[in-house]
Each structure stands twice: as C-alpha cells, then as structure tokens.
Amino acid sequence: MQELYGLPKLRDSLSYLYVEHAVIEQAGHAIELWKKDGRTLVPAASLCVLMLGPGTKITHAAVKTLADNGCSMLWTGEEMTKFYAQGMGETRKAYHLLKQAELACDPVKHRRVCIRMYQKRFDEPLDPELTLPQIRGFEGVRVRRAYKKASEAFGVPWHGRAYDRFSWGNSDPINRALSAANATLNSLCHAAIVSGGYSPAIGFVHNGKQLSFVYDVADLYKADLTIPIAFAIVAESKENVERRARMACREKFREVKLLERILPDIDEILEVPPEPLDESKDVDSDPALPTDLWVDLLEESDSPL
C-alpha cells in the first residue's frame, strides 16, 4: 500500500485531493484509491474536497462514506482546469448562502459589495456614492488598461476583446488564449465557491446566470493572472494556445496558492463575520439537528419586512 502524503490545504482547516484514472472504493470509515501502481487509503474524515478527474470510477458505498464525512465531490477535467459538476457541498450550514442572499437583495449593501470588489481587484478607492453603472464604467477603463499594459509588455498586438462563439478558429490567438485562461480560472473559483457553501448563481456585478458569482470572483484575479499569462503564451508561440494557456494557468495557480486565497477573499468582500460558535446548533456535526424556524430568523433580522 502506498502512503498518503500530506494533502495540500485549501485553507487552515480544509484540504482537497485530485484523483484520475483510479477506482475509488469504501474501506471502513475511509476510502481507498486503486491504481495500476498500488492502492492508497484516504481518511475521509479529514478530507473536505475530492476532485474526480478523467478515468475515475467510484462506488456507491464510497460516495456515502464521503457524504457522511462532509466531503464535497467535484467532477473535473484536465487536472482541475475544467469543472463539470458537483456533489453535496462540504457544509450542511446555510450561513454563507444566507449572508450572500441578504447582500444581493438589499440595493445599498449590493452596491457596497460591488465597490469592495472593485477595490480588491484594482487596489484603488472608489467614491461610495457611485452607482452600479458608474462602477462598471470605472471597471471597463481599468480592464482595457490591463490589456494595453500586457500588450506592451509582451509585444503582442491587441485590437480588443472579440471572438465568434460559432467560429472559434477565426478568433485571433490572443483572444483564444484569454478565453481558455479565463475558463480555467472560472473552474477553480467555481470549485471554491461550492466548497465554501456559497451560491454560484447569486452575483453582484454579474447577474442572470447560474455562474454569475463565479464570474464576479474570477474577475478579482484576471488582471494579475490570466491576462498576463495569455499574452505571455501568445508571445512565445501562436500554436496550440488554448492548451498551453490552461497548463500555464494550472502551474501559476499552484505557485500563488490561489485556491487557498479564494474563500478568504470572498469572506473579506462580503464582510462575512465569524460563524457563531454554538455547538448546540452545529448541523455539520449533526445533520439531522432541527434548526430555527423562519419566524425566528425574521425576528433576528434588521429587515423592514
């Protein structure tokens, strides 16, 4: 049997594991990974996210063991650079989701979140009285400036963000590289959002799609990560830019430990306070534990409703 090396931390109390080309079975209160070169026992109780890559088969009993231990399952591709589907999230609490919904439904709080997103993204203060269209205008200017800066730094001509979804090959290499890099970033942000118990659909700057919040969060990192990566890839060669961009992103995300940063950044932007420590109401340790009725929640809220 192989030894399980220390799992990379999602953040201090969380960890994740990516598996491909393996059979996953239950082994007592743990799971076991079977591969050509041997088997590895994984303690499900200390694993928070299991990412299933290509060529994986998992038994019903293994899924139940992972769910019983609060481990999220994500179906991914190309070494986590693509995100296809998810199983149950790691938490049984609705704490983060309720906070996200509260901020999205209150116009004033919603606008403040958009301002904090801008400031986090560009490290530049904004007038707190700006409207959402004005914030989007400032954002557009800064993004165009980021493209221009990368174009000059890597010597790659830039004529604007443009591509035809129905004729992908006719797009220029830099637009194809940017799309591939951004898709990779979206996948990682989607996985983190699900893992943290937030909704991918409740966005602030973006809205109307199931992945609106994914786009919001991914935008936080584009100017620093995917834009320079895409221009660097095209500066090296115009061949096979999509795959090279995805692989370059994967390595860069590991280097800067992006997955560890995403949830703390979301907590900061949404100003999510520490969860109340009331062990008698901890549904993660006891999923069948009854919770407060909706009347109690309304009484605690400062909403005029």
C-alpha atoms as a PDB file:
ATOM      1  CA  MET A   1       0.000   0.000   0.000  1.00  0.00           C
ATOM      2  CA  GLN A   2       1.241   3.492  -0.794  1.00  0.00           C
ATOM      3  CA  GLU A   3       1.500   6.094   1.934  1.00  0.00           C
ATOM      4  CA  LEU A   4      -0.725   9.141   1.656  1.00  0.00           C
ATOM      5  CA  TYR A   5       1.448  12.220   1.681  1.00  0.00           C
ATOM      6  CA  GLY A   6       0.281  15.415   3.330  1.00  0.00           C
ATOM      7  CA  LEU A   7      -2.664  16.789   1.448  1.00  0.00           C
ATOM      8  CA  PRO A   8      -2.476  20.382   0.216  1.00  0.00           C
ATOM      9  CA  LYS A   9      -4.509  22.742   2.349  1.00  0.00           C
ATOM     10  CA  LEU A  10      -7.491  24.628   0.950  1.00  0.00           C
ATOM     11  CA  ARG A  11      -7.043  26.805   3.966  1.00  0.00           C
ATOM     12  CA  ASP A  12      -6.097  26.009   7.518  1.00  0.00           C
ATOM     13  CA  SER A  13      -8.853  23.540   8.313  1.00  0.00           C
ATOM     14  CA  LEU A  14      -9.629  22.290   4.819  1.00  0.00           C
ATOM     15  CA  SER A  15      -7.902  20.036   2.330  1.00  0.00           C
ATOM     16  CA  TYR A  16      -8.526  18.698  -1.168  1.00  0.00           C
ATOM     17  CA  LEU A  17      -7.393  15.785  -3.322  1.00  0.00           C
ATOM     18  CA  TYR A  18      -7.409  15.366  -7.092  1.00  0.00           C
ATOM     19  CA  VAL A  19      -7.682  11.812  -8.468  1.00  0.00           C
ATOM     20  CA  GLU A  20      -7.731  10.474 -12.017  1.00  0.00           C
ATOM     21  CA  HIS A  21      -7.524   7.045 -13.648  1.00  0.00           C
ATOM     22  CA  ALA A  22      -8.386   5.210 -10.453  1.00  0.00           C
ATOM     23  CA  VAL A  23     -11.133   3.154  -8.829  1.00  0.00           C
ATOM     24  CA  ILE A  24     -12.419   4.539  -5.532  1.00  0.00           C
ATOM     25  CA  GLU A  25     -13.973   2.168  -3.012  1.00  0.00           C
ATOM     26  CA  GLN A  26     -15.094   2.275   0.595  1.00  0.00           C
ATOM     27  CA  ALA A  27     -12.675   0.903   3.186  1.00  0.00           C
ATOM     28  CA  GLY A  28     -14.238   1.005   6.651  1.00  0.00           C
ATOM     29  CA  HIS A  29     -14.772   4.653   7.528  1.00  0.00           C
ATOM     30  CA  ALA A  30     -12.304   5.716   4.827  1.00  0.00           C
ATOM     31  CA  ILE A  31     -11.994   5.374   1.067  1.00  0.00           C
ATOM     32  CA  GLU A  32      -9.340   3.575  -0.913  1.00  0.00           C
ATOM     33  CA  LEU A  33      -7.864   4.577  -4.261  1.00  0.00           C
ATOM     34  CA  TRP A  34      -6.904   1.712  -6.568  1.00  0.00           C
ATOM     35  CA  LYS A  35      -4.476   2.471  -9.372  1.00  0.00           C
ATOM     36  CA  LYS A  36      -2.161   0.402 -11.539  1.00  0.00           C
ATOM     37  CA  ASP A  37       0.789   1.015  -9.249  1.00  0.00           C
ATOM     38  CA  GLY A  38      -0.974   0.229  -5.991  1.00  0.00           C
ATOM     39  CA  ARG A  39      -3.645   1.403  -3.583  1.00  0.00           C
ATOM     40  CA  THR A  40      -3.855   4.381  -1.233  1.00  0.00           C
ATOM     41  CA  LEU A  41      -6.010   4.662   1.860  1.00  0.00           C
ATOM     42  CA  VAL A  42      -7.554   8.118   2.303  1.00  0.00           C
ATOM     43  CA  PRO A  43      -9.094   9.152   5.642  1.00  0.00           C
ATOM     44  CA  ALA A  44     -12.429  10.594   4.526  1.00  0.00           C
ATOM     45  CA  ALA A  45     -12.977  12.401   7.822  1.00  0.00           C
ATOM     46  CA  SER A  46     -10.062  14.771   7.178  1.00  0.00           C
ATOM     47  CA  LEU A  47     -10.746  15.314   3.504  1.00  0.00           C
ATOM     48  CA  CYS A  48     -13.014  18.209   2.547  1.00  0.00           C
ATOM     49  CA  VAL A  49     -12.961  18.150  -1.259  1.00  0.00           C
ATOM     50  CA  LEU A  50     -12.416  15.178  -3.576  1.00  0.00           C
ATOM     51  CA  MET A  51     -11.930  16.179  -7.204  1.00  0.00           C
ATOM     52  CA  LEU A  52     -12.669  13.352  -9.617  1.00  0.00           C
ATOM     53  CA  GLY A  53     -10.696  13.560 -12.837  1.00  0.00           C
ATOM     54  CA  PRO A  54     -10.891  11.540 -16.070  1.00  0.00           C
ATOM     55  CA  GLY A  55     -10.893   7.759 -15.777  1.00  0.00           C
ATOM     56  CA  THR A  56     -12.212   7.590 -12.214  1.00  0.00           C
ATOM     57  CA  LYS A  57     -14.821   5.108 -11.028  1.00  0.00           C
ATOM     58  CA  ILE A  58     -16.363   5.444  -7.586  1.00  0.00           C
ATOM     59  CA  THR A  59     -18.628   3.011  -5.787  1.00  0.00           C
ATOM     60  CA  HIS A  60     -21.963   3.855  -4.180  1.00  0.00           C
ATOM     61  CA  ALA A  61     -20.547   2.924  -0.758  1.00  0.00           C
ATOM     62  CA  ALA A  62     -17.583   5.245  -1.229  1.00  0.00           C
ATOM     63  CA  VAL A  63     -19.890   8.130  -2.141  1.00  0.00           C
ATOM     64  CA  LYS A  64     -21.956   7.508   1.009  1.00  0.00           C
ATOM     65  CA  THR A  65     -18.817   7.438   3.169  1.00  0.00           C
ATOM     66  CA  LEU A  66     -17.620  10.730   1.708  1.00  0.00           C
ATOM     67  CA  ALA A  67     -21.054  12.328   2.157  1.00  0.00           C
ATOM     68  CA  ASP A  68     -21.291  11.087   5.753  1.00  0.00           C
ATOM     69  CA  ASN A  69     -17.971  12.785   6.452  1.00  0.00           C
ATOM     70  CA  GLY A  70     -18.976  16.067   4.824  1.00  0.00           C
ATOM     71  CA  CYS A  71     -16.588  15.707   1.902  1.00  0.00           C
ATOM     72  CA  SER A  72     -17.554  17.527  -1.307  1.00  0.00           C
ATOM     73  CA  MET A  73     -17.200  15.698  -4.621  1.00  0.00           C
ATOM     74  CA  LEU A  74     -16.400  17.631  -7.770  1.00  0.00           C
ATOM     75  CA  TRP A  75     -16.265  16.173 -11.279  1.00  0.00           C
ATOM     76  CA  THR A  76     -13.402  17.927 -13.045  1.00  0.00           C
ATOM     77  CA  GLY A  77     -11.216  17.597 -16.117  1.00  0.00           C
ATOM     78  CA  GLU A  78      -7.646  18.191 -17.247  1.00  0.00           C
ATOM     79  CA  GLU A  79      -6.122  18.269 -13.769  1.00  0.00           C
ATOM     80  CA  MET A  80      -8.763  20.560 -12.294  1.00  0.00           C
ATOM     81  CA  THR A  81      -8.657  23.046 -15.164  1.00  0.00           C
ATOM     82  CA  LYS A  82     -12.275  22.193 -16.016  1.00  0.00           C
ATOM     83  CA  PHE A  83     -15.272  21.909 -13.681  1.00  0.00           C
ATOM     84  CA  TYR A  84     -18.244  19.798 -14.777  1.00  0.00           C
ATOM     85  CA  ALA A  85     -20.480  19.048 -11.801  1.00  0.00           C
ATOM     86  CA  GLN A  86     -20.640  18.815  -8.054  1.00  0.00           C
ATOM     87  CA  GLY A  87     -21.928  16.543  -5.342  1.00  0.00           C
ATOM     88  CA  MET A  88     -23.092  17.715  -1.944  1.00  0.00           C
ATOM     89  CA  GLY A  89     -21.210  20.688  -0.529  1.00  0.00           C
ATOM     90  CA  GLU A  90     -18.973  20.140   2.443  1.00  0.00           C
ATOM     91  CA  THR A  91     -21.111  22.095   4.858  1.00  0.00           C
ATOM     92  CA  ARG A  92     -24.698  21.494   5.964  1.00  0.00           C
ATOM     93  CA  LYS A  93     -24.954  25.093   7.121  1.00  0.00           C
ATOM     94  CA  ALA A  94     -26.667  27.810   5.113  1.00  0.00           C
ATOM     95  CA  TYR A  95     -24.731  30.557   6.908  1.00  0.00           C
ATOM     96  CA  HIS A  96     -22.707  31.793   3.919  1.00  0.00           C
ATOM     97  CA  LEU A  97     -25.571  31.416   1.465  1.00  0.00           C
ATOM     98  CA  LEU A  98     -27.972  33.422   3.639  1.00  0.00           C
ATOM     99  CA  LYS A  99     -25.408  36.209   4.040  1.00  0.00           C
ATOM    100  CA  GLN A 100     -24.780  36.270   0.292  1.00  0.00           C
ATOM    101  CA  ALA A 101     -28.519  36.429  -0.435  1.00  0.00           C
ATOM    102  CA  GLU A 102     -29.033  39.223   2.117  1.00  0.00           C
ATOM    103  CA  LEU A 103     -26.345  41.373   0.494  1.00  0.00           C
ATOM    104  CA  ALA A 104     -27.634  40.704  -3.018  1.00  0.00           C
ATOM    105  CA  CYS A 105     -31.236  41.612  -2.166  1.00  0.00           C
ATOM    106  CA  ASP A 106     -30.500  44.927  -0.424  1.00  0.00           C
ATOM    107  CA  PRO A 107     -29.674  47.631  -3.025  1.00  0.00           C
ATOM    108  CA  VAL A 108     -27.372  49.590  -0.713  1.00  0.00           C
ATOM    109  CA  LYS A 109     -25.487  46.519   0.538  1.00  0.00           C
ATOM    110  CA  HIS A 110     -25.340  45.184  -3.022  1.00  0.00           C
ATOM    111  CA  ARG A 111     -23.641  48.357  -4.256  1.00  0.00           C
ATOM    112  CA  ARG A 112     -21.169  48.312  -1.373  1.00  0.00           C
ATOM    113  CA  VAL A 113     -20.144  44.778  -2.299  1.00  0.00           C
ATOM    114  CA  CYS A 114     -19.530  45.905  -5.897  1.00  0.00           C
ATOM    115  CA  ILE A 115     -17.347  48.744  -4.643  1.00  0.00           C
ATOM    116  CA  ARG A 116     -15.342  46.387  -2.416  1.00  0.00           C
ATOM    117  CA  MET A 117     -14.905  44.028  -5.374  1.00  0.00           C
ATOM    118  CA  TYR A 118     -13.512  46.872  -7.471  1.00  0.00           C
ATOM    119  CA  GLN A 119     -11.166  47.989  -4.706  1.00  0.00           C
ATOM    120  CA  LYS A 120      -9.977  44.452  -4.114  1.00  0.00           C
ATOM    121  CA  ARG A 121      -9.424  43.941  -7.817  1.00  0.00           C
ATOM    122  CA  PHE A 122      -7.578  47.146  -8.651  1.00  0.00           C
ATOM    123  CA  ASP A 123      -6.344  48.348  -5.239  1.00  0.00           C
ATOM    124  CA  GLU A 124      -7.970  51.714  -5.900  1.00  0.00           C
ATOM    125  CA  PRO A 125     -10.564  53.504  -3.742  1.00  0.00           C
ATOM    126  CA  LEU A 126     -13.933  54.480  -5.195  1.00  0.00           C
ATOM    127  CA  ASP A 127     -16.495  57.084  -4.177  1.00  0.00           C
ATOM    128  CA  PRO A 128     -19.021  55.126  -2.054  1.00  0.00           C
ATOM    129  CA  GLU A 129     -21.874  57.066  -3.661  1.00  0.00           C
ATOM    130  CA  LEU A 130     -21.166  55.793  -7.182  1.00  0.00           C
ATOM    131  CA  THR A 131     -23.984  53.938  -8.925  1.00  0.00           C
ATOM    132  CA  LEU A 132     -23.562  50.437 -10.305  1.00  0.00           C
ATOM    133  CA  PRO A 133     -23.328  51.675 -13.947  1.00  0.00           C
ATOM    134  CA  GLN A 134     -20.640  54.147 -12.881  1.00  0.00           C
ATOM    135  CA  ILE A 135     -18.721  51.380 -11.097  1.00  0.00           C
ATOM    136  CA  ARG A 136     -18.932  49.246 -14.233  1.00  0.00           C
ATOM    137  CA  GLY A 137     -17.609  52.210 -16.237  1.00  0.00           C
ATOM    138  CA  PHE A 138     -14.549  52.529 -13.994  1.00  0.00           C
ATOM    139  CA  GLU A 139     -14.077  48.765 -14.210  1.00  0.00           C
ATOM    140  CA  GLY A 140     -14.128  48.857 -18.022  1.00  0.00           C
ATOM    141  CA  VAL A 141     -11.447  51.531 -18.102  1.00  0.00           C
ATOM    142  CA  ARG A 142      -9.177  49.571 -15.770  1.00  0.00           C
ATOM    143  CA  VAL A 143      -9.613  46.323 -17.698  1.00  0.00           C
ATOM    144  CA  ARG A 144      -8.770  47.997 -21.001  1.00  0.00           C
ATOM    145  CA  ARG A 145      -5.700  49.470 -19.313  1.00  0.00           C
ATOM    146  CA  ALA A 146      -4.664  45.977 -18.148  1.00  0.00           C
ATOM    147  CA  TYR A 147      -4.922  44.635 -21.724  1.00  0.00           C
ATOM    148  CA  LYS A 148      -2.870  47.565 -23.062  1.00  0.00           C
ATOM    149  CA  LYS A 149      -0.211  47.096 -20.388  1.00  0.00           C
ATOM    150  CA  ALA A 150       0.126  43.365 -21.123  1.00  0.00           C
ATOM    151  CA  SER A 151       0.217  44.014 -24.876  1.00  0.00           C
ATOM    152  CA  GLU A 152       3.111  46.430 -24.478  1.00  0.00           C
ATOM    153  CA  ALA A 153       4.944  44.207 -22.002  1.00  0.00           C
ATOM    154  CA  PHE A 154       4.868  41.108 -24.216  1.00  0.00           C
ATOM    155  CA  GLY A 155       4.863  42.741 -27.649  1.00  0.00           C
ATOM    156  CA  VAL A 156       1.575  41.135 -28.684  1.00  0.00           C
ATOM    157  CA  PRO A 157      -0.732  43.387 -30.766  1.00  0.00           C
ATOM    158  CA  TRP A 158      -4.095  44.000 -29.094  1.00  0.00           C
ATOM    159  CA  HIS A 159      -7.220  45.021 -31.011  1.00  0.00           C
ATOM    160  CA  GLY A 160      -9.845  44.395 -28.353  1.00  0.00           C
ATOM    161  CA  ARG A 161     -11.739  41.513 -26.798  1.00  0.00           C
ATOM    162  CA  ALA A 162     -13.581  39.884 -29.687  1.00  0.00           C
ATOM    163  CA  TYR A 163     -14.410  36.333 -30.681  1.00  0.00           C
ATOM    164  CA  ASP A 164     -17.103  34.445 -32.559  1.00  0.00           C
ATOM    165  CA  ARG A 165     -18.548  31.587 -30.479  1.00  0.00           C
ATOM    166  CA  PHE A 166     -19.756  29.914 -33.655  1.00  0.00           C
ATOM    167  CA  SER A 167     -16.457  30.223 -35.485  1.00  0.00           C
ATOM    168  CA  TRP A 168     -13.890  29.776 -32.762  1.00  0.00           C
ATOM    169  CA  GLY A 169     -10.927  29.193 -35.063  1.00  0.00           C
ATOM    170  CA  ASN A 170     -11.355  32.564 -36.724  1.00  0.00           C
ATOM    171  CA  SER A 171     -10.569  34.423 -33.494  1.00  0.00           C
ATOM    172  CA  ASP A 172      -7.047  35.740 -33.129  1.00  0.00           C
ATOM    173  CA  PRO A 173      -4.630  33.757 -30.900  1.00  0.00           C
ATOM    174  CA  ILE A 174      -4.656  36.220 -28.011  1.00  0.00           C
ATOM    175  CA  ASN A 175      -8.460  36.146 -27.721  1.00  0.00           C
ATOM    176  CA  ARG A 176      -8.452  32.345 -27.804  1.00  0.00           C
ATOM    177  CA  ALA A 177      -5.720  32.234 -25.153  1.00  0.00           C
ATOM    178  CA  LEU A 178      -7.633  34.668 -22.949  1.00  0.00           C
ATOM    179  CA  SER A 179     -10.822  32.626 -23.216  1.00  0.00           C
ATOM    180  CA  ALA A 180      -9.028  29.407 -22.323  1.00  0.00           C
ATOM    181  CA  ALA A 181      -7.222  31.017 -19.383  1.00  0.00           C
ATOM    182  CA  ASN A 182     -10.399  32.616 -18.055  1.00  0.00           C
ATOM    183  CA  ALA A 183     -12.318  29.330 -18.353  1.00  0.00           C
ATOM    184  CA  THR A 184      -9.636  27.666 -16.232  1.00  0.00           C
ATOM    185  CA  LEU A 185      -9.887  30.416 -13.646  1.00  0.00           C
ATOM    186  CA  ASN A 186     -13.688  30.117 -13.620  1.00  0.00           C
ATOM    187  CA  SER A 187     -13.400  26.393 -12.889  1.00  0.00           C
ATOM    188  CA  LEU A 188     -11.188  26.906  -9.864  1.00  0.00           C
ATOM    189  CA  CYS A 189     -13.372  29.707  -8.488  1.00  0.00           C
ATOM    190  CA  HIS A 190     -16.499  27.585  -9.030  1.00  0.00           C
ATOM    191  CA  ALA A 191     -14.995  24.733  -7.021  1.00  0.00           C
ATOM    192  CA  ALA A 192     -14.024  27.057  -4.162  1.00  0.00           C
ATOM    193  CA  ILE A 193     -17.433  28.772  -4.089  1.00  0.00           C
ATOM    194  CA  VAL A 194     -19.265  25.446  -3.873  1.00  0.00           C
ATOM    195  CA  SER A 195     -16.846  24.202  -1.254  1.00  0.00           C
ATOM    196  CA  GLY A 196     -17.479  27.280   0.894  1.00  0.00           C
ATOM    197  CA  GLY A 197     -21.263  26.917   0.852  1.00  0.00           C
ATOM    198  CA  TYR A 198     -21.893  29.978  -1.345  1.00  0.00           C
ATOM    199  CA  SER A 199     -24.209  30.051  -4.351  1.00  0.00           C
ATOM    200  CA  PRO A 200     -22.535  30.247  -7.794  1.00  0.00           C
ATOM    201  CA  ALA A 201     -25.703  31.935  -9.128  1.00  0.00           C
ATOM    202  CA  ILE A 202     -26.080  34.937  -6.779  1.00  0.00           C
ATOM    203  CA  GLY A 203     -23.786  37.512  -8.335  1.00  0.00           C
ATOM    204  CA  PHE A 204     -23.269  41.201  -7.675  1.00  0.00           C
ATOM    205  CA  VAL A 205     -21.607  42.762 -10.722  1.00  0.00           C
ATOM    206  CA  HIS A 206     -22.812  39.875 -12.895  1.00  0.00           C
ATOM    207  CA  ASN A 207     -26.346  38.536 -12.734  1.00  0.00           C
ATOM    208  CA  GLY A 208     -28.850  36.373 -14.570  1.00  0.00           C
ATOM    209  CA  LYS A 209     -26.793  33.191 -14.925  1.00  0.00           C
ATOM    210  CA  GLN A 210     -26.162  30.155 -12.766  1.00  0.00           C
ATOM    211  CA  LEU A 211     -22.473  31.137 -12.659  1.00  0.00           C
ATOM    212  CA  SER A 212     -22.849  34.881 -12.012  1.00  0.00           C
ATOM    213  CA  PHE A 213     -20.960  34.806  -8.708  1.00  0.00           C
ATOM    214  CA  VAL A 214     -18.254  32.646 -10.306  1.00  0.00           C
ATOM    215  CA  TYR A 215     -17.674  35.411 -12.869  1.00  0.00           C
ATOM    216  CA  ASP A 216     -17.596  38.034 -10.100  1.00  0.00           C
ATOM    217  CA  VAL A 217     -14.966  36.152  -8.113  1.00  0.00           C
ATOM    218  CA  ALA A 218     -12.871  35.185 -11.140  1.00  0.00           C
ATOM    219  CA  ASP A 219     -12.687  38.839 -12.164  1.00  0.00           C
ATOM    220  CA  LEU A 220     -10.769  39.560  -8.970  1.00  0.00           C
ATOM    221  CA  TYR A 221      -7.728  37.740 -10.351  1.00  0.00           C
ATOM    222  CA  LYS A 222      -7.757  38.312 -14.116  1.00  0.00           C
ATOM    223  CA  ALA A 223      -5.611  41.461 -14.233  1.00  0.00           C
ATOM    224  CA  ASP A 224      -2.886  39.801 -12.158  1.00  0.00           C
ATOM    225  CA  LEU A 225      -3.086  36.250 -13.514  1.00  0.00           C
ATOM    226  CA  THR A 226      -4.942  35.253 -16.672  1.00  0.00           C
ATOM    227  CA  ILE A 227      -4.341  38.413 -18.738  1.00  0.00           C
ATOM    228  CA  PRO A 228      -0.513  38.380 -18.412  1.00  0.00           C
ATOM    229  CA  ILE A 229      -0.470  34.574 -18.773  1.00  0.00           C
ATOM    230  CA  ALA A 230      -2.426  34.707 -22.050  1.00  0.00           C
ATOM    231  CA  PHE A 231      -0.212  37.414 -23.534  1.00  0.00           C
ATOM    232  CA  ALA A 232       2.940  35.568 -22.458  1.00  0.00           C
ATOM    233  CA  ILE A 233       1.685  32.359 -24.095  1.00  0.00           C
ATOM    234  CA  VAL A 234       0.980  34.069 -27.412  1.00  0.00           C
ATOM    235  CA  ALA A 235       4.316  35.926 -27.285  1.00  0.00           C
ATOM    236  CA  GLU A 236       6.077  32.539 -27.143  1.00  0.00           C
ATOM    237  CA  SER A 237       4.095  30.929 -29.960  1.00  0.00           C
ATOM    238  CA  LYS A 238       0.744  31.137 -31.704  1.00  0.00           C
ATOM    239  CA  GLU A 239       0.413  27.354 -31.883  1.00  0.00           C
ATOM    240  CA  ASN A 240      -1.997  25.429 -29.661  1.00  0.00           C
ATOM    241  CA  VAL A 241      -2.562  28.455 -27.440  1.00  0.00           C
ATOM    242  CA  GLU A 242      -5.668  27.084 -25.683  1.00  0.00           C
ATOM    243  CA  ARG A 243      -3.990  24.043 -24.145  1.00  0.00           C
ATOM    244  CA  ARG A 244      -0.789  25.911 -23.335  1.00  0.00           C
ATOM    245  CA  ALA A 245      -2.797  28.664 -21.632  1.00  0.00           C
ATOM    246  CA  ARG A 246      -4.683  26.115 -19.495  1.00  0.00           C
ATOM    247  CA  MET A 247      -1.476  24.370 -18.454  1.00  0.00           C
ATOM    248  CA  ALA A 248       0.269  27.686 -17.697  1.00  0.00           C
ATOM    249  CA  CYS A 249      -2.687  28.750 -15.564  1.00  0.00           C
ATOM    250  CA  ARG A 250      -2.623  25.474 -13.669  1.00  0.00           C
ATOM    251  CA  GLU A 251       1.026  25.948 -12.765  1.00  0.00           C
ATOM    252  CA  LYS A 252       0.602  29.615 -11.885  1.00  0.00           C
ATOM    253  CA  PHE A 253      -2.436  28.927  -9.693  1.00  0.00           C
ATOM    254  CA  ARG A 254      -0.421  26.346  -7.791  1.00  0.00           C
ATOM    255  CA  GLU A 255       2.533  28.713  -7.484  1.00  0.00           C
ATOM    256  CA  VAL A 256       0.481  31.548  -5.990  1.00  0.00           C
ATOM    257  CA  LYS A 257      -1.711  29.097  -3.977  1.00  0.00           C
ATOM    258  CA  LEU A 258      -4.807  30.653  -5.477  1.00  0.00           C
ATOM    259  CA  LEU A 259      -7.229  28.051  -4.166  1.00  0.00           C
ATOM    260  CA  GLU A 260      -6.223  28.931  -0.606  1.00  0.00           C
ATOM    261  CA  ARG A 261      -6.921  32.614  -1.242  1.00  0.00           C
ATOM    262  CA  ILE A 262     -10.354  32.463  -2.847  1.00  0.00           C
ATOM    263  CA  LEU A 263     -12.563  31.742   0.170  1.00  0.00           C
ATOM    264  CA  PRO A 264     -10.819  34.262   2.472  1.00  0.00           C
ATOM    265  CA  ASP A 265     -11.123  36.858  -0.307  1.00  0.00           C
ATOM    266  CA  ILE A 266     -14.867  36.138  -0.636  1.00  0.00           C
ATOM    267  CA  ASP A 267     -15.325  36.410   3.134  1.00  0.00           C
ATOM    268  CA  GLU A 268     -13.497  39.750   3.063  1.00  0.00           C
ATOM    269  CA  ILE A 269     -15.550  41.175   0.188  1.00  0.00           C
ATOM    270  CA  LEU A 270     -18.873  40.066   1.663  1.00  0.00           C
ATOM    271  CA  GLU A 271     -17.702  41.059   5.149  1.00  0.00           C
ATOM    272  CA  VAL A 272     -18.834  37.716   6.494  1.00  0.00           C
ATOM    273  CA  PRO A 273     -18.344  37.713  10.260  1.00  0.00           C
ATOM    274  CA  PRO A 274     -17.063  34.602  12.037  1.00  0.00           C
ATOM    275  CA  GLU A 275     -19.728  31.969  12.380  1.00  0.00           C
ATOM    276  CA  PRO A 276     -21.377  31.943  15.815  1.00  0.00           C
ATOM    277  CA  LEU A 277     -19.877  29.173  17.917  1.00  0.00           C
ATOM    278  CA  ASP A 278     -22.924  27.458  19.308  1.00  0.00           C
ATOM    279  CA  GLU A 279     -22.198  23.739  19.452  1.00  0.00           C
ATOM    280  CA  SER A 280     -25.837  23.005  20.275  1.00  0.00           C
ATOM    281  CA  LYS A 281     -26.756  24.269  16.773  1.00  0.00           C
ATOM    282  CA  ASP A 282     -23.870  22.741  14.792  1.00  0.00           C
ATOM    283  CA  VAL A 283     -25.586  20.951  11.907  1.00  0.00           C
ATOM    284  CA  ASP A 284     -22.224  19.956  10.437  1.00  0.00           C
ATOM    285  CA  SER A 285     -21.629  17.634  13.367  1.00  0.00           C
ATOM    286  CA  ASP A 286     -25.295  16.563  13.494  1.00  0.00           C
ATOM    287  CA  PRO A 287     -27.005  16.975  10.076  1.00  0.00           C
ATOM    288  CA  ALA A 288     -30.385  15.854  11.473  1.00  0.00           C
ATOM    289  CA  LEU A 289     -30.370  18.554  14.156  1.00  0.00           C
ATOM    290  CA  PRO A 290     -33.512  20.750  13.956  1.00  0.00           C
ATOM    291  CA  THR A 291     -32.805  24.431  13.286  1.00  0.00           C
ATOM    292  CA  ASP A 292     -34.636  27.669  13.987  1.00  0.00           C
ATOM    293  CA  LEU A 293     -37.911  28.295  12.211  1.00  0.00           C
ATOM    294  CA  TRP A 294     -38.174  31.067   9.672  1.00  0.00           C
ATOM    295  CA  VAL A 295     -40.102  33.227  12.159  1.00  0.00           C
ATOM    296  CA  ASP A 296     -37.067  33.279  14.439  1.00  0.00           C
ATOM    297  CA  LEU A 297     -34.825  34.285  11.560  1.00  0.00           C
ATOM    298  CA  LEU A 298     -37.065  37.229  10.705  1.00  0.00           C
ATOM    299  CA  GLU A 299     -37.100  38.383  14.302  1.00  0.00           C
ATOM    300  CA  GLU A 300     -33.289  38.495  14.307  1.00  0.00           C
ATOM    301  CA  SER A 301     -33.105  40.371  11.019  1.00  0.00           C
ATOM    302  CA  ASP A 302     -32.955  44.165  10.710  1.00  0.00           C
ATOM    303  CA  SER A 303     -35.006  43.948   7.513  1.00  0.00           C
ATOM    304  CA  PRO A 304     -38.110  46.198   7.423  1.00  0.00           C
ATOM    305  CA  LEU A 305     -40.034  43.094   6.308  1.00  0.00           C
END
